[in-house]
C-alpha cells in the first residue's frame, strides 16, 4: 500500500522516474504474487499510475502493458469481442 501512495505522490509532483523506482521491489507484471481479488481496486490504481508514469517517460510499450491490465481488471473477466 505504501508503494502505491509513493507512486501517486511522485506522479502528482511530476517525478515519474522516482515513482517507478518505488515500485522496483515489486514485480508488477507477475500476477501470481501481486494480485488478490480482495484489493482489486488497489491493484488497478497501481497499474493506472505506473502506466501514466511510463507514458510521461515515453516508454509506450510498458505503458501499454500496464494499461491493458487496468482495462482487463476493470472489466472483471476481460474484454469480450462483439462480432
C-alpha atoms as a PDB file:
ATOM      1  CA  UNK A   1       0.000   0.000   0.000  1.00  0.00           C
ATOM      2  CA  UNK A   2       2.818   2.422   0.785  1.00  0.00           C
ATOM      3  CA  UNK A   3       4.344   1.833  -2.670  1.00  0.00           C
ATOM      4  CA  UNK A   4       1.058   2.879  -4.234  1.00  0.00           C
ATOM      5  CA  UNK A   5       0.970   6.094  -2.231  1.00  0.00           C
ATOM      6  CA  UNK A   6       4.554   6.891  -3.167  1.00  0.00           C
ATOM      7  CA  UNK A   7       3.778   6.417  -6.866  1.00  0.00           C
ATOM      8  CA  UNK A   8       0.748   8.701  -6.524  1.00  0.00           C
ATOM      9  CA  UNK A   9       2.740  11.432  -4.769  1.00  0.00           C
ATOM     10  CA  UNK A  10       5.603  11.296  -7.259  1.00  0.00           C
ATOM     11  CA  UNK A  11       3.138  11.397 -10.156  1.00  0.00           C
ATOM     12  CA  UNK A  12       1.467  14.471  -8.711  1.00  0.00           C
ATOM     13  CA  UNK A  13       4.759  16.324  -8.322  1.00  0.00           C
ATOM     14  CA  UNK A  14       5.979  15.217 -11.754  1.00  0.00           C
ATOM     15  CA  UNK A  15       8.848  12.954 -10.688  1.00  0.00           C
ATOM     16  CA  UNK A  16       7.855   9.896 -12.692  1.00  0.00           C
ATOM     17  CA  UNK A  17      11.228   8.151 -12.666  1.00  0.00           C
ATOM     18  CA  UNK A  18      11.388   8.123  -8.869  1.00  0.00           C
ATOM     19  CA  UNK A  19       7.794   6.938  -8.719  1.00  0.00           C
ATOM     20  CA  UNK A  20       8.676   3.922 -10.821  1.00  0.00           C
ATOM     21  CA  UNK A  21      11.779   3.301  -8.736  1.00  0.00           C
ATOM     22  CA  UNK A  22       9.499   2.978  -5.699  1.00  0.00           C
ATOM     23  CA  UNK A  23       7.885   0.003  -7.446  1.00  0.00           C
ATOM     24  CA  UNK A  24      11.210  -1.728  -8.059  1.00  0.00           C
ATOM     25  CA  UNK A  25      10.862  -4.185  -5.118  1.00  0.00           C
ATOM     26  CA  UNK A  26       7.549  -5.346  -6.598  1.00  0.00           C
ATOM     27  CA  UNK A  27       7.345  -7.196  -9.870  1.00  0.00           C
ATOM     28  CA  UNK A  28       4.104  -5.598 -11.032  1.00  0.00           C
ATOM     29  CA  UNK A  29       3.807  -7.850 -14.074  1.00  0.00           C
ATOM     30  CA  UNK A  30       3.977 -11.076 -12.030  1.00  0.00           C
ATOM     31  CA  UNK A  31       0.321 -11.919 -11.477  1.00  0.00           C
ATOM     32  CA  UNK A  32       0.885 -14.838  -9.121  1.00  0.00           C
ATOM     33  CA  UNK A  33       2.344 -12.869  -6.229  1.00  0.00           C
ATOM     34  CA  UNK A  34       0.790  -9.413  -6.528  1.00  0.00           C
ATOM     35  CA  UNK A  35      -2.867  -9.675  -7.457  1.00  0.00           C
ATOM     36  CA  UNK A  36      -5.545 -10.643  -4.951  1.00  0.00           C
ATOM     37  CA  UNK A  37      -9.266 -10.200  -5.574  1.00  0.00           C
ATOM     38  CA  UNK A  38      -9.728  -8.675  -2.123  1.00  0.00           C
ATOM     39  CA  UNK A  39      -7.877  -5.493  -3.058  1.00  0.00           C
ATOM     40  CA  UNK A  40      -8.509  -5.290  -6.787  1.00  0.00           C
ATOM     41  CA  UNK A  41      -9.072  -1.525  -6.668  1.00  0.00           C
ATOM     42  CA  UNK A  42      -5.589  -1.086  -5.210  1.00  0.00           C
ATOM     43  CA  UNK A  43      -4.184  -3.282  -7.959  1.00  0.00           C
ATOM     44  CA  UNK A  44      -5.911  -1.286 -10.701  1.00  0.00           C
ATOM     45  CA  UNK A  45      -4.818   2.024  -9.174  1.00  0.00           C
ATOM     46  CA  UNK A  46      -1.229   0.795  -9.040  1.00  0.00           C
ATOM     47  CA  UNK A  47      -1.278  -0.064 -12.733  1.00  0.00           C
ATOM     48  CA  UNK A  48      -3.034   3.211 -13.609  1.00  0.00           C
ATOM     49  CA  UNK A  49      -0.354   5.377 -12.012  1.00  0.00           C
ATOM     50  CA  UNK A  50       2.516   3.254 -13.285  1.00  0.00           C
ATOM     51  CA  UNK A  51       1.045   3.377 -16.803  1.00  0.00           C
ATOM     52  CA  UNK A  52       0.799   7.161 -16.593  1.00  0.00           C
ATOM     53  CA  UNK A  53       4.417   7.394 -15.420  1.00  0.00           C
ATOM     54  CA  UNK A  54       5.558   5.188 -18.303  1.00  0.00           C
ATOM     55  CA  UNK A  55       3.693   7.401 -20.785  1.00  0.00           C
ATOM     56  CA  UNK A  56       5.317  10.522 -19.399  1.00  0.00           C
ATOM     57  CA  UNK A  57       8.732   8.863 -19.687  1.00  0.00           C
ATOM     58  CA  UNK A  58       7.918   7.894 -23.316  1.00  0.00           C
ATOM     59  CA  UNK A  59       8.093   4.166 -22.575  1.00  0.00           C
ATOM     60  CA  UNK A  60       4.967   3.356 -24.537  1.00  0.00           C
ATOM     61  CA  UNK A  61       5.373  -0.426 -24.642  1.00  0.00           C
ATOM     62  CA  UNK A  62       5.475  -0.673 -20.858  1.00  0.00           C
ATOM     63  CA  UNK A  63       2.606   1.789 -20.591  1.00  0.00           C
ATOM     64  CA  UNK A  64       0.552  -0.377 -22.907  1.00  0.00           C
ATOM     65  CA  UNK A  65       1.206  -3.438 -20.772  1.00  0.00           C
ATOM     66  CA  UNK A  66       0.101  -1.569 -17.644  1.00  0.00           C
ATOM     67  CA  UNK A  67      -2.891  -0.002 -19.361  1.00  0.00           C
ATOM     68  CA  UNK A  68      -4.081  -3.346 -20.667  1.00  0.00           C
ATOM     69  CA  UNK A  69      -4.051  -4.780 -17.131  1.00  0.00           C
ATOM     70  CA  UNK A  70      -6.167  -1.814 -15.984  1.00  0.00           C
ATOM     71  CA  UNK A  71      -8.751  -2.349 -18.716  1.00  0.00           C
ATOM     72  CA  UNK A  72      -8.991  -6.086 -18.136  1.00  0.00           C
ATOM     73  CA  UNK A  73      -9.124  -5.593 -14.369  1.00  0.00           C
ATOM     74  CA  UNK A  74     -11.950  -3.076 -14.586  1.00  0.00           C
ATOM     75  CA  UNK A  75     -13.987  -5.376 -16.795  1.00  0.00           C
ATOM     76  CA  UNK A  76     -13.655  -8.272 -14.381  1.00  0.00           C
ATOM     77  CA  UNK A  77     -13.443 -11.178 -16.793  1.00  0.00           C
ATOM     78  CA  UNK A  78     -11.629  -9.435 -19.603  1.00  0.00           C
ATOM     79  CA  UNK A  79     -12.716  -7.878 -22.825  1.00  0.00           C
ATOM     80  CA  UNK A  80     -15.380  -9.612 -24.840  1.00  0.00           C
ATOM     81  CA  UNK A  81     -15.350  -9.159 -28.588  1.00  0.00           C
ATOM     82  CA  UNK A  82     -18.750  -8.444 -30.114  1.00  0.00           C
ATOM     83  CA  UNK A  83     -18.994  -9.713 -33.668  1.00  0.00           C
END
